[in-house]
Amino acid sequence: MCDGIDDPADYTGFQVALWREIARDLGWADSDWSFSCVDWTAMIDDLVDPNGVCSFAAAGVEVSLTNILLGLKFSWPIYKSGFHVLIASAVEQGGTWAFAEAFHWSVWVVLGATAIIVSFLVTAAETFTYGNHANRKGLRGWSWYSMGKMVQVPTHVGDPKTWASKVLVLGYAFLALIIVHLFTATTANKLTMQRLANDITSKADLPGKKVISWEPYVPLLRKYSIDASPMPWDNDDDMAKMLAALRSHNYQALVLDSPVVQYFAAQAEQCDLFPVGDPFETFNLAIAFPPNAPSGLASNVSASIVRLQTHSAMLDVLENKHVKAASATNSGGCNTAHGTGELHGPSVDPQIGFRQVAGVWYIQLITLGIALLLTFLEQLRYRMRHQSDSRRAPDATAAATAAAQGQQPAVEGAALGGEGEECVAEVAVAAPGKTPGWSAATKVAPADAPASPASPVPASPMAVAAGQKQQQPRQAAGLRGDAGERVVAFADDPTMPGEVL
C-alpha cells in the first residue's frame, strides 16, 4: 500500500516487503534503489517506454500474453492468483423451509415409500400366518402403525404377533431411530446457520447477470459466457467506484484478482461483501522489467526469489503475514463464504425466529385441508349410500306385507324368476300362531298350478332378527336352488349376505 503515504519507508504490503528482502539478499544498499508510487496504467506505460524512469515494477504484474507481447520481461513467479467473484449481499439465518433441507428430496421420497412397503409386508406376514395368534389389523391398521412409527406417534394398533413381522418392525424401528437423530442434528445446524441472501454462489451463476470487472479481464471472462462491463482500475479511487457500484446493486457481481477480492471483503466495515465460489482462470504474478532492461537483472532477481523461498519459505511467510493474516485480523465480526453461500461465526443468533420454522405450520395447514377434503368425501359417500337404501325400502316393505297377508309378494321377475317358475320368498315376519323363531314362507307357483297353502319353514337367524325389526329396509338377492326354484333371502345389513333356505 502506497497511495496517500508520503514517506516511501512507510509503504507496506506483500510485494513491498518481498522486494526489500530481495534487495537485502542481492546486497543492495538502501541508497541503491528507491520506491515511486504511481497509477497502474502509468506504471505499465513507463515500463514499455524506452525513455521511462522505472527500472522495474515490484507490483506483481500479471504474466499474460498481452504483457509479453508488449515486450515486458518477468522474474520467477512470486504469487499465484486467479479470478474470484465478489458479491454484495445481506445475511440471513435459516429459512422458512430450513427443516426440510435436512435431507435431499430423494431421501424424503424413499422414507415415504419405505413406510408404505413396511405396512404391506407386515400386513402380509400377519394375514397369511396360520393360527389365532396373528394380529390381523389389516392394511389400513398397519399403514397407520407404520406411518406413526416413522414420526414417533403412538398408534394403539398393537404389536405384531408373528415372528416374521416382528423382525420387519425391529429393522424398521432401527431405521426410524437413525433417521430421527440425523434429522434433529442436521436441522439444528440448518436453523442456526447464516447464509447469503443472494442466488450467486460461483462463476457458474454469472452468465446472464450484470457483472463488472477490470477492462483487461473482460475478454478473458467471455469464454465463460460472462458478459462483464469494463471499468478502469488505476488507483484506489477506481477501486472504490467499483465497490460502490456493487453495493448499490447496479451490478450483481465483481470479478477481480482473488487476493484483492478476499482483502476487500475482509476490510468491509458493513460486512456486506463476500467472495463466493473458488478462484478460476489462475495466472502468475511476477516482478516486471522493461524490454531494454539489462539481461542479468531479471535473472539475478529470479535467482534471489528462488533462494529465499528455498532457504526460508519467504513467499509463504509473507503471504501468511500480509494476505491471509490481514484478511483474518481486519475482518472483525464479519464472516466470509467460500463456495457454499453459508456462513459460520460468532454473529450467529442462537435464538430461532418464527420465520425459520413457519414451514411447520404450513404443513399443518396442508394437512387440515386434506382432512376437510376427506371429511367431505366421507359425507358424500354416506349420503349416496343412504339414498340408495331409501329407494329399496318400499319394495321390501311391500313384499313383507304381502307375505303376512298370504298374498303373492310384488317382487320383480329379475329377482324371483320369470313366468312359469316357482319361488319361495322368506319374509321377516312371524307366522300366525307361531313363535318368532319361525317365518312365513310363500311359495309362488306358476299360473296354471293350484295354489298350495303356506307351510312354516325354520327361519334363519338373519330372518329372526329381521322379524324383530320390520321397519328397516331389506335387500333381496335371487339364487337358484337345487330343485330349480329361486329362493329369496332378506338380510338386515346390506353388506352381509342372506342365507339360502
Protein backbone atom coordinates (compact mmCIF):
# COMPACT_ATOMS: atom_id res chain seq x y z
CA MET A 1 0.00 0.00 0.00
CA CYS A 2 1.49 3.32 -1.06
CA ASP A 3 -1.38 5.60 -2.10
CA GLY A 4 -1.60 8.62 0.19
CA ILE A 5 1.66 7.80 2.00
CA ASP A 6 4.37 10.43 1.65
CA ASP A 7 7.35 8.56 3.09
CA PRO A 8 8.36 5.52 0.96
CA ALA A 9 9.74 3.94 4.11
CA ASP A 10 6.15 3.53 5.31
CA TYR A 11 5.00 1.60 2.25
CA THR A 12 3.57 -1.79 3.21
CA GLY A 13 2.26 -4.91 1.55
CA PHE A 14 3.29 -8.30 0.24
CA GLN A 15 5.20 -7.06 -2.82
CA VAL A 16 6.86 -4.16 -1.00
CA ALA A 17 8.11 -6.45 1.77
CA LEU A 18 9.29 -9.04 -0.78
CA TRP A 19 11.33 -6.50 -2.71
CA ARG A 20 13.06 -5.35 0.45
CA GLU A 21 14.05 -8.97 1.13
CA ILE A 22 15.28 -9.38 -2.47
CA ALA A 23 17.35 -6.19 -2.28
CA ARG A 24 18.86 -7.35 1.01
CA ASP A 25 19.64 -10.78 -0.50
CA LEU A 26 21.30 -9.17 -3.53
CA GLY A 27 23.42 -6.98 -1.24
CA TRP A 28 21.94 -3.71 -2.41
CA ALA A 29 22.13 -0.75 -0.09
CA ASP A 30 19.06 1.38 0.58
CA SER A 31 20.65 4.17 -1.43
CA ASP A 32 20.94 1.94 -4.50
CA TRP A 33 17.18 1.99 -5.17
CA SER A 34 14.01 3.95 -4.31
CA PHE A 35 10.25 3.44 -4.41
CA SER A 36 7.86 5.50 -6.52
CA CYS A 37 4.05 5.18 -6.14
CA VAL A 38 2.26 5.61 -9.49
CA ASP A 39 -1.03 4.51 -11.05
CA TRP A 40 -1.17 1.09 -12.68
CA THR A 41 -1.62 2.23 -16.27
CA ALA A 42 1.07 4.86 -15.88
CA MET A 43 3.43 2.22 -14.48
CA ILE A 44 2.92 -0.15 -17.44
CA ASP A 45 3.30 2.72 -19.91
CA ASP A 46 6.55 3.78 -18.25
CA LEU A 47 7.95 0.25 -18.41
CA VAL A 48 7.36 -0.08 -22.16
CA ASP A 49 8.57 3.47 -22.84
CA PRO A 50 12.25 3.45 -23.90
CA ASN A 51 12.67 6.71 -22.03
CA GLY A 52 10.84 5.55 -18.90
CA VAL A 53 12.25 6.24 -15.47
CA CYS A 54 11.25 2.94 -13.79
CA SER A 55 13.89 0.20 -13.73
CA PHE A 56 11.31 -2.49 -12.84
CA ALA A 57 7.88 -2.87 -11.23
CA ALA A 58 7.63 -4.67 -7.90
CA ALA A 59 3.83 -4.57 -8.07
CA GLY A 60 3.06 -8.14 -9.04
CA VAL A 61 2.37 -7.80 -12.75
CA GLU A 62 0.33 -10.50 -14.48
CA VAL A 63 2.32 -12.84 -16.68
CA SER A 64 -0.13 -12.63 -19.58
CA LEU A 65 0.14 -12.87 -23.33
CA THR A 66 -0.72 -9.18 -23.64
CA ASN A 67 2.15 -8.10 -21.40
CA ILE A 68 4.57 -10.48 -23.09
CA LEU A 69 3.67 -9.02 -26.49
CA LEU A 70 4.44 -5.58 -25.06
CA GLY A 71 8.00 -6.80 -24.58
CA LEU A 72 7.97 -6.93 -20.79
CA LYS A 73 10.35 -9.33 -19.06
CA PHE A 74 9.39 -11.21 -15.92
CA SER A 75 11.08 -12.72 -12.91
CA TRP A 76 10.31 -16.05 -11.27
CA PRO A 77 6.59 -16.01 -10.25
CA ILE A 78 6.02 -14.55 -6.80
CA TYR A 79 2.31 -15.26 -6.38
CA LYS A 80 -0.34 -17.47 -7.96
CA SER A 81 -3.60 -15.66 -8.43
CA GLY A 82 -6.85 -16.06 -10.32
CA PHE A 83 -10.26 -14.55 -10.81
CA HIS A 84 -12.65 -14.55 -7.87
CA VAL A 85 -16.30 -13.50 -7.65
CA LEU A 86 -17.25 -10.81 -5.13
CA ILE A 87 -20.90 -10.09 -4.27
CA ALA A 88 -22.69 -7.61 -2.02
CA SER A 89 -25.34 -9.36 -0.01
CA ALA A 90 -27.29 -9.31 3.21
CA VAL A 91 -27.00 -12.20 5.63
CA GLU A 92 -29.99 -14.26 6.67
CA GLN A 93 -30.23 -17.00 9.28
CA GLY A 94 -32.12 -20.15 8.42
CA GLY A 95 -35.23 -20.06 6.28
CA THR A 96 -38.91 -20.98 6.14
CA TRP A 97 -38.15 -24.47 4.87
CA ALA A 98 -34.77 -24.91 6.55
CA PHE A 99 -36.00 -28.02 8.37
CA ALA A 100 -36.90 -29.65 5.06
CA GLU A 101 -33.36 -29.11 3.79
CA ALA A 102 -32.00 -31.64 6.28
CA PHE A 103 -32.43 -34.37 3.66
CA HIS A 104 -32.32 -34.37 -0.11
CA TRP A 105 -35.76 -34.69 -1.72
CA SER A 106 -34.91 -38.23 -2.80
CA VAL A 107 -34.44 -39.23 0.85
CA TRP A 108 -37.92 -37.92 1.71
CA VAL A 109 -39.41 -39.94 -1.15
CA VAL A 110 -37.61 -43.11 -0.07
CA LEU A 111 -38.75 -42.63 3.54
CA GLY A 112 -42.40 -42.39 2.48
CA ALA A 113 -42.07 -45.39 0.19
CA THR A 114 -40.40 -47.38 2.98
CA ALA A 115 -43.28 -46.71 5.37
CA ILE A 116 -45.80 -47.90 2.77
CA ILE A 117 -43.81 -51.02 1.85
CA VAL A 118 -43.36 -51.98 5.51
CA SER A 119 -47.12 -51.72 6.08
CA PHE A 120 -47.75 -54.09 3.15
CA LEU A 121 -45.13 -56.56 4.37
CA VAL A 122 -46.42 -56.60 7.95
CA THR A 123 -49.99 -57.00 6.70
CA ALA A 124 -48.94 -59.95 4.54
CA ALA A 125 -46.98 -61.56 7.37
CA GLU A 126 -49.87 -61.21 9.82
CA THR A 127 -52.63 -62.18 7.38
CA PHE A 128 -51.06 -65.28 5.85
CA THR A 129 -49.82 -66.71 9.15
CA TYR A 130 -51.88 -69.70 10.33
CA GLY A 131 -53.22 -69.80 13.84
CA ASN A 132 -55.11 -67.47 16.12
CA HIS A 133 -52.02 -65.68 17.41
CA ALA A 134 -51.77 -63.28 14.46
CA ASN A 135 -52.68 -59.64 14.97
CA ARG A 136 -54.81 -59.16 11.86
CA LYS A 137 -55.36 -55.41 11.78
CA GLY A 138 -55.47 -55.25 8.01
CA LEU A 139 -53.67 -52.94 5.62
CA ARG A 140 -55.37 -49.84 6.98
CA GLY A 141 -54.31 -50.56 10.55
CA TRP A 142 -50.73 -51.47 9.73
CA SER A 143 -50.35 -48.46 7.41
CA TRP A 144 -51.29 -46.19 10.29
CA TYR A 145 -48.88 -48.15 12.51
CA SER A 146 -46.02 -47.75 10.01
CA MET A 147 -46.57 -44.02 9.47
CA GLY A 148 -46.82 -43.38 13.19
CA LYS A 149 -43.62 -45.30 13.85
CA MET A 150 -41.72 -43.03 11.48
CA VAL A 151 -42.73 -39.82 13.30
CA GLN A 152 -42.81 -41.37 16.79
CA VAL A 153 -46.61 -41.08 17.19
CA PRO A 154 -48.45 -43.70 19.34
CA THR A 155 -50.95 -45.55 17.15
CA HIS A 156 -52.51 -48.02 19.64
CA VAL A 157 -52.76 -50.59 16.88
CA GLY A 158 -50.90 -53.13 18.93
CA ASP A 159 -47.71 -55.03 18.31
CA PRO A 160 -47.36 -57.67 15.61
CA LYS A 161 -47.73 -61.27 16.77
CA THR A 162 -45.79 -63.27 14.21
CA TRP A 163 -42.01 -63.57 14.31
CA ALA A 164 -41.71 -62.56 10.67
CA SER A 165 -43.49 -59.25 11.22
CA LYS A 166 -41.58 -58.67 14.48
CA VAL A 167 -38.29 -58.87 12.60
CA LEU A 168 -39.61 -56.45 9.97
CA VAL A 169 -40.77 -53.96 12.60
CA LEU A 170 -37.49 -54.22 14.53
CA GLY A 171 -35.46 -53.34 11.43
CA TYR A 172 -37.87 -50.55 10.55
CA ALA A 173 -37.69 -49.13 14.10
CA PHE A 174 -33.88 -49.04 13.92
CA LEU A 175 -34.08 -47.20 10.59
CA ALA A 176 -36.53 -44.67 12.04
CA LEU A 177 -34.29 -44.14 15.09
CA ILE A 178 -31.26 -43.29 12.96
CA ILE A 179 -33.25 -41.04 10.63
CA VAL A 180 -34.82 -39.09 13.51
CA HIS A 181 -31.44 -38.42 15.12
CA LEU A 182 -29.87 -37.39 11.81
CA PHE A 183 -32.79 -35.08 11.12
CA THR A 184 -32.54 -33.49 14.57
CA ALA A 185 -28.81 -32.78 14.31
CA THR A 186 -28.94 -31.50 10.73
CA THR A 187 -31.99 -29.32 11.30
CA ALA A 188 -30.42 -27.69 14.37
CA ASN A 189 -27.41 -26.81 12.23
CA LYS A 190 -29.55 -25.51 9.37
CA LEU A 191 -31.71 -23.29 11.59
CA THR A 192 -28.74 -21.60 13.26
CA MET A 193 -26.63 -21.31 10.11
CA GLN A 194 -26.15 -17.99 8.38
CA ARG A 195 -26.38 -17.79 4.62
CA LEU A 196 -26.21 -15.15 1.94
CA ALA A 197 -29.45 -13.74 0.62
CA ASN A 198 -28.10 -13.98 -2.92
CA ASP A 199 -28.54 -16.51 -5.70
CA ILE A 200 -24.94 -16.19 -6.93
CA THR A 201 -22.71 -18.85 -5.40
CA SER A 202 -19.99 -19.32 -8.04
CA LYS A 203 -18.90 -18.30 -11.53
CA ALA A 204 -21.45 -20.77 -12.96
CA ASP A 205 -24.22 -18.38 -11.87
CA LEU A 206 -22.75 -15.33 -13.63
CA PRO A 207 -23.94 -15.85 -17.24
CA GLY A 208 -26.87 -13.53 -17.82
CA LYS A 209 -26.09 -11.46 -14.71
CA LYS A 210 -24.83 -7.87 -14.55
CA VAL A 211 -21.12 -8.19 -13.82
CA ILE A 212 -18.26 -5.68 -13.71
CA SER A 213 -14.52 -6.29 -13.98
CA TRP A 214 -11.28 -4.61 -14.87
CA GLU A 215 -11.01 -3.72 -18.55
CA PRO A 216 -8.20 -6.17 -19.49
CA TYR A 217 -10.12 -9.04 -17.82
CA VAL A 218 -13.31 -8.62 -19.87
CA PRO A 219 -12.12 -10.62 -22.93
CA LEU A 220 -10.92 -13.45 -20.67
CA LEU A 221 -14.32 -13.70 -18.99
CA ARG A 222 -16.21 -14.06 -22.26
CA LYS A 223 -15.05 -17.65 -22.70
CA TYR A 224 -17.02 -18.43 -19.53
CA SER A 225 -20.12 -16.79 -21.10
CA ILE A 226 -19.73 -13.90 -18.65
CA ASP A 227 -20.58 -10.58 -20.30
CA ALA A 228 -18.83 -8.20 -17.90
CA SER A 229 -18.89 -4.43 -18.12
CA PRO A 230 -15.36 -2.92 -18.16
CA MET A 231 -14.25 -0.39 -15.55
CA PRO A 232 -10.86 1.29 -15.03
CA TRP A 233 -8.64 0.20 -12.15
CA ASP A 234 -5.67 2.51 -11.98
CA ASN A 235 -5.84 3.63 -8.36
CA ASP A 236 -7.76 3.34 -5.13
CA ASP A 237 -10.45 5.73 -6.34
CA ASP A 238 -11.27 3.42 -9.23
CA MET A 239 -11.47 0.50 -6.81
CA ALA A 240 -13.83 2.48 -4.58
CA LYS A 241 -16.09 3.21 -7.57
CA MET A 242 -16.32 -0.49 -8.43
CA LEU A 243 -17.24 -1.37 -4.85
CA ALA A 244 -19.82 1.42 -4.74
CA ALA A 245 -21.44 0.13 -7.94
CA LEU A 246 -21.58 -3.34 -6.42
CA ARG A 247 -23.04 -2.15 -3.11
CA SER A 248 -25.71 -0.09 -4.87
CA HIS A 249 -26.82 -3.29 -6.66
CA ASN A 250 -26.39 -1.68 -10.05
CA TYR A 251 -24.27 -4.75 -10.69
CA GLN A 252 -24.68 -8.18 -9.16
CA ALA A 253 -21.05 -9.30 -9.04
CA LEU A 254 -17.48 -8.06 -9.34
CA VAL A 255 -14.72 -10.27 -10.77
CA LEU A 256 -11.13 -9.38 -9.85
CA ASP A 257 -7.93 -10.99 -8.60
CA SER A 258 -8.51 -13.46 -5.79
CA PRO A 259 -6.24 -11.80 -3.17
CA VAL A 260 -7.80 -8.42 -3.90
CA VAL A 261 -11.32 -9.82 -3.57
CA GLN A 262 -10.53 -11.52 -0.27
CA TYR A 263 -8.81 -8.42 1.08
CA PHE A 264 -11.66 -6.02 0.33
CA ALA A 265 -14.23 -8.49 1.64
CA ALA A 266 -12.33 -8.62 4.93
CA GLN A 267 -11.98 -4.83 5.03
CA ALA A 268 -15.72 -4.17 4.50
CA GLU A 269 -16.91 -2.25 7.56
CA GLN A 270 -20.55 -3.13 6.87
CA CYS A 271 -19.74 -6.84 6.47
CA ASP A 272 -21.68 -6.84 3.21
CA LEU A 273 -19.03 -8.08 0.74
CA PHE A 274 -18.44 -11.80 0.28
CA PRO A 275 -16.21 -13.84 -2.06
CA VAL A 276 -18.10 -16.85 -3.41
CA GLY A 277 -17.02 -19.91 -5.33
CA ASP A 278 -13.45 -20.95 -6.00
CA PRO A 279 -10.80 -18.98 -7.90
CA PHE A 280 -10.69 -19.70 -11.62
CA GLU A 281 -8.55 -18.75 -14.61
CA THR A 282 -5.43 -18.90 -12.46
CA PHE A 283 -2.35 -16.97 -13.52
CA ASN A 284 1.05 -15.98 -12.09
CA LEU A 285 2.18 -12.62 -10.82
CA ALA A 286 5.82 -11.61 -11.12
CA ILE A 287 8.18 -8.65 -10.98
CA ALA A 288 8.18 -6.95 -14.40
CA PHE A 289 11.15 -5.40 -16.19
CA PRO A 290 11.20 -3.11 -19.24
CA PRO A 291 12.19 -4.57 -22.62
CA ASN A 292 15.57 -2.80 -22.54
CA ALA A 293 16.47 -3.91 -19.01
CA PRO A 294 19.95 -5.44 -18.57
CA SER A 295 19.84 -9.15 -19.30
CA GLY A 296 21.35 -10.08 -15.97
CA LEU A 297 18.92 -8.04 -13.84
CA ALA A 298 15.88 -10.27 -14.32
CA SER A 299 17.90 -13.47 -13.88
CA ASN A 300 19.56 -12.20 -10.68
CA VAL A 301 16.20 -11.22 -9.20
CA SER A 302 14.72 -14.60 -10.16
CA ALA A 303 17.63 -16.42 -8.53
CA SER A 304 17.14 -14.38 -5.37
CA ILE A 305 13.43 -15.25 -5.24
CA VAL A 306 14.14 -18.97 -5.61
CA ARG A 307 16.89 -18.78 -3.00
CA LEU A 308 14.67 -17.00 -0.45
CA GLN A 309 11.85 -19.48 -0.98
CA THR A 310 14.15 -22.49 -0.77
CA HIS A 311 16.01 -21.45 2.37
CA SER A 312 13.30 -19.70 4.37
CA ALA A 313 9.97 -20.15 2.52
CA MET A 314 9.86 -16.38 2.26
CA LEU A 315 6.93 -16.30 -0.19
CA ASP A 316 4.77 -18.36 2.17
CA VAL A 317 5.78 -16.30 5.20
CA LEU A 318 4.92 -13.02 3.52
CA GLU A 319 1.64 -14.39 2.16
CA ASN A 320 0.56 -15.51 5.62
CA LYS A 321 1.54 -12.16 7.11
CA HIS A 322 0.25 -9.69 4.53
CA VAL A 323 -2.59 -11.54 2.77
CA LYS A 324 -4.13 -14.23 4.93
CA ALA A 325 -3.46 -12.72 8.36
CA ALA A 326 -4.51 -9.25 7.22
CA SER A 327 -7.83 -10.61 6.00
CA ALA A 328 -8.42 -12.51 9.24
CA THR A 329 -7.44 -9.73 11.66
CA ASN A 330 -9.18 -6.92 9.81
CA SER A 331 -12.45 -8.74 9.26
CA GLY A 332 -13.71 -8.08 12.79
CA GLY A 333 -17.07 -9.79 13.24
CA CYS A 334 -17.51 -10.39 9.52
CA ASN A 335 -17.68 -13.89 8.13
CA THR A 336 -16.73 -14.89 4.63
CA ALA A 337 -18.30 -17.53 2.44
CA HIS A 338 -16.30 -19.65 0.05
CA GLY A 339 -18.34 -21.54 -2.47
CA THR A 340 -21.32 -22.66 -0.40
CA GLY A 341 -23.05 -19.39 0.39
CA GLU A 342 -23.17 -20.48 4.03
CA LEU A 343 -21.60 -18.67 6.96
CA HIS A 344 -20.48 -19.64 10.41
CA GLY A 345 -19.17 -17.42 13.15
CA PRO A 346 -19.80 -15.53 16.38
CA SER A 347 -22.52 -13.40 14.85
CA VAL A 348 -24.91 -16.36 14.63
CA ASP A 349 -28.01 -15.68 16.75
CA PRO A 350 -28.82 -18.77 18.88
CA GLN A 351 -32.50 -17.78 19.04
CA ILE A 352 -34.80 -19.24 16.40
CA GLY A 353 -37.44 -16.90 14.99
CA PHE A 354 -40.89 -17.82 13.74
CA ARG A 355 -39.93 -17.27 10.09
CA GLN A 356 -37.33 -20.03 10.37
CA VAL A 357 -39.94 -22.61 11.42
CA ALA A 358 -43.01 -21.23 9.63
CA GLY A 359 -42.88 -24.16 7.21
CA VAL A 360 -44.03 -26.50 10.01
CA TRP A 361 -47.28 -24.53 10.31
CA TYR A 362 -47.66 -24.53 6.54
CA ILE A 363 -47.56 -28.32 6.64
CA GLN A 364 -50.20 -28.27 9.39
CA LEU A 365 -52.45 -26.12 7.19
CA ILE A 366 -51.95 -28.55 4.31
CA THR A 367 -52.97 -31.50 6.50
CA LEU A 368 -56.01 -29.51 7.66
CA GLY A 369 -57.07 -29.03 4.04
CA ILE A 370 -56.62 -32.74 3.32
CA ALA A 371 -58.67 -33.60 6.42
CA LEU A 372 -61.52 -31.32 5.30
CA LEU A 373 -61.48 -32.89 1.84
CA LEU A 374 -61.61 -36.42 3.29
CA THR A 375 -64.47 -35.40 5.59
CA PHE A 376 -66.43 -34.08 2.62
CA LEU A 377 -65.84 -37.28 0.64
CA GLU A 378 -66.95 -39.45 3.59
CA GLN A 379 -70.14 -37.41 3.99
CA LEU A 380 -70.83 -37.65 0.25
CA ARG A 381 -70.33 -41.42 0.32
CA TYR A 382 -72.66 -41.79 3.31
CA ARG A 383 -75.42 -39.73 1.68
CA MET A 384 -75.24 -41.65 -1.59
CA ARG A 385 -75.46 -44.95 0.28
CA HIS A 386 -78.39 -43.71 2.41
CA GLN A 387 -80.29 -42.60 -0.71
CA SER A 388 -79.71 -46.00 -2.31
CA ASP A 389 -81.10 -47.77 0.78
CA SER A 390 -84.13 -45.46 0.82
CA ARG A 391 -85.01 -46.38 -2.78
CA ARG A 392 -85.01 -50.08 -1.92
CA ALA A 393 -87.14 -49.71 1.23
CA PRO A 394 -90.66 -49.52 -0.45
CA ASP A 395 -90.16 -52.78 -2.40
CA ALA A 396 -89.01 -54.64 0.69
CA THR A 397 -91.93 -53.32 2.78
CA ALA A 398 -94.49 -54.30 0.13
CA ALA A 399 -93.07 -57.82 -0.07
CA ALA A 400 -93.24 -58.24 3.69
CA THR A 401 -96.86 -57.01 3.84
CA ALA A 402 -98.00 -59.31 1.05
CA ALA A 403 -96.39 -62.31 2.69
CA ALA A 404 -98.04 -61.54 6.02
CA GLN A 405 -101.47 -61.46 4.32
CA GLY A 406 -100.85 -64.72 2.44
CA GLN A 407 -100.67 -62.94 -0.93
CA GLN A 408 -98.12 -63.14 -3.66
CA PRO A 409 -95.42 -60.54 -2.98
CA ALA A 410 -94.73 -57.97 -5.65
CA VAL A 411 -91.16 -58.82 -6.46
CA GLU A 412 -89.50 -58.12 -9.75
CA GLY A 413 -89.05 -61.00 -12.10
CA ALA A 414 -85.35 -60.40 -12.27
CA ALA A 415 -85.11 -61.33 -8.59
CA LEU A 416 -87.71 -64.15 -8.36
CA GLY A 417 -87.51 -65.65 -11.83
CA GLY A 418 -89.67 -65.41 -14.91
CA GLU A 419 -93.12 -66.72 -15.59
CA GLY A 420 -93.73 -70.42 -15.02
CA GLU A 421 -91.15 -70.69 -12.28
CA GLU A 422 -91.88 -71.40 -8.66
CA CYS A 423 -90.24 -69.33 -5.97
CA VAL A 424 -90.11 -69.34 -2.19
CA ALA A 425 -89.80 -65.94 -0.52
CA GLU A 426 -88.74 -65.82 3.08
CA VAL A 427 -90.16 -62.74 4.78
CA ALA A 428 -89.12 -61.30 8.06
CA VAL A 429 -92.43 -61.59 9.95
CA ALA A 430 -93.62 -64.23 12.40
CA ALA A 431 -96.17 -66.69 11.03
CA PRO A 432 -99.63 -66.53 12.57
CA GLY A 433 -99.77 -68.68 15.66
CA LYS A 434 -96.04 -69.40 15.55
CA THR A 435 -93.18 -68.25 17.72
CA PRO A 436 -90.70 -65.63 16.45
CA GLY A 437 -88.35 -68.48 15.62
CA TRP A 438 -90.47 -69.25 12.53
CA SER A 439 -91.21 -67.16 9.49
CA ALA A 440 -93.93 -67.40 6.91
CA ALA A 441 -92.85 -68.65 3.52
CA THR A 442 -94.92 -68.03 0.47
CA LYS A 443 -94.43 -70.30 -2.49
CA VAL A 444 -95.15 -68.54 -5.73
CA ALA A 445 -96.39 -71.13 -8.20
CA PRO A 446 -96.95 -70.88 -11.95
CA ALA A 447 -100.28 -69.51 -13.15
CA ASP A 448 -101.65 -72.95 -14.16
CA ALA A 449 -100.66 -74.67 -10.90
CA PRO A 450 -103.03 -74.88 -7.96
CA ALA A 451 -102.19 -72.74 -5.02
CA SER A 452 -100.77 -74.58 -2.06
CA PRO A 453 -101.06 -73.39 1.50
CA ALA A 454 -98.11 -71.81 3.09
CA SER A 455 -96.11 -74.15 5.23
CA PRO A 456 -93.90 -73.00 8.04
CA VAL A 457 -90.19 -73.30 7.49
CA PRO A 458 -87.48 -72.63 10.02
CA ALA A 459 -86.26 -69.08 9.87
CA SER A 460 -82.57 -68.32 9.71
CA PRO A 461 -81.02 -66.19 12.45
CA MET A 462 -80.89 -63.30 10.00
CA ALA A 463 -84.61 -63.60 9.31
CA VAL A 464 -85.45 -63.82 13.03
CA ALA A 465 -83.52 -60.66 13.66
CA ALA A 466 -85.27 -59.07 10.72
CA GLY A 467 -88.67 -60.10 12.15
CA GLN A 468 -87.92 -58.03 15.21
CA LYS A 469 -87.08 -55.00 13.04
CA GLN A 470 -89.83 -54.90 10.47
CA GLN A 471 -89.36 -51.20 9.75
CA GLN A 472 -85.79 -51.49 8.46
CA PRO A 473 -85.18 -51.73 4.70
CA ARG A 474 -84.08 -55.07 3.38
CA GLN A 475 -82.06 -56.20 0.40
CA ALA A 476 -83.16 -59.15 -1.75
CA ALA A 477 -80.91 -61.45 -3.70
CA GLY A 478 -82.17 -64.17 -6.07
CA LEU A 479 -80.36 -67.51 -6.02
CA ARG A 480 -81.06 -70.75 -7.85
CA GLY A 481 -81.91 -73.70 -5.56
CA ASP A 482 -81.25 -77.39 -6.13
CA ALA A 483 -84.83 -78.02 -7.34
CA GLY A 484 -84.72 -75.28 -9.92
CA GLU A 485 -86.53 -72.85 -7.63
CA ARG A 486 -85.49 -69.30 -6.93
CA VAL A 487 -85.02 -68.57 -3.27
CA VAL A 488 -85.10 -65.04 -1.91
CA ALA A 489 -83.36 -64.29 1.36
CA PHE A 490 -83.72 -60.96 3.16
CA ALA A 491 -80.90 -59.58 5.32
CA ASP A 492 -80.87 -56.67 7.74
CA ASP A 493 -77.37 -55.49 6.87
CA PRO A 494 -76.92 -54.86 3.12
CA THR A 495 -73.22 -55.64 3.49
CA MET A 496 -73.91 -59.15 4.91
CA PRO A 497 -75.18 -61.95 2.64
CA GLY A 498 -78.51 -63.60 3.41
CA GLU A 499 -78.83 -67.30 3.95
CA VAL A 500 -80.20 -69.62 1.28
CA LEU A 501 -83.05 -71.82 2.52
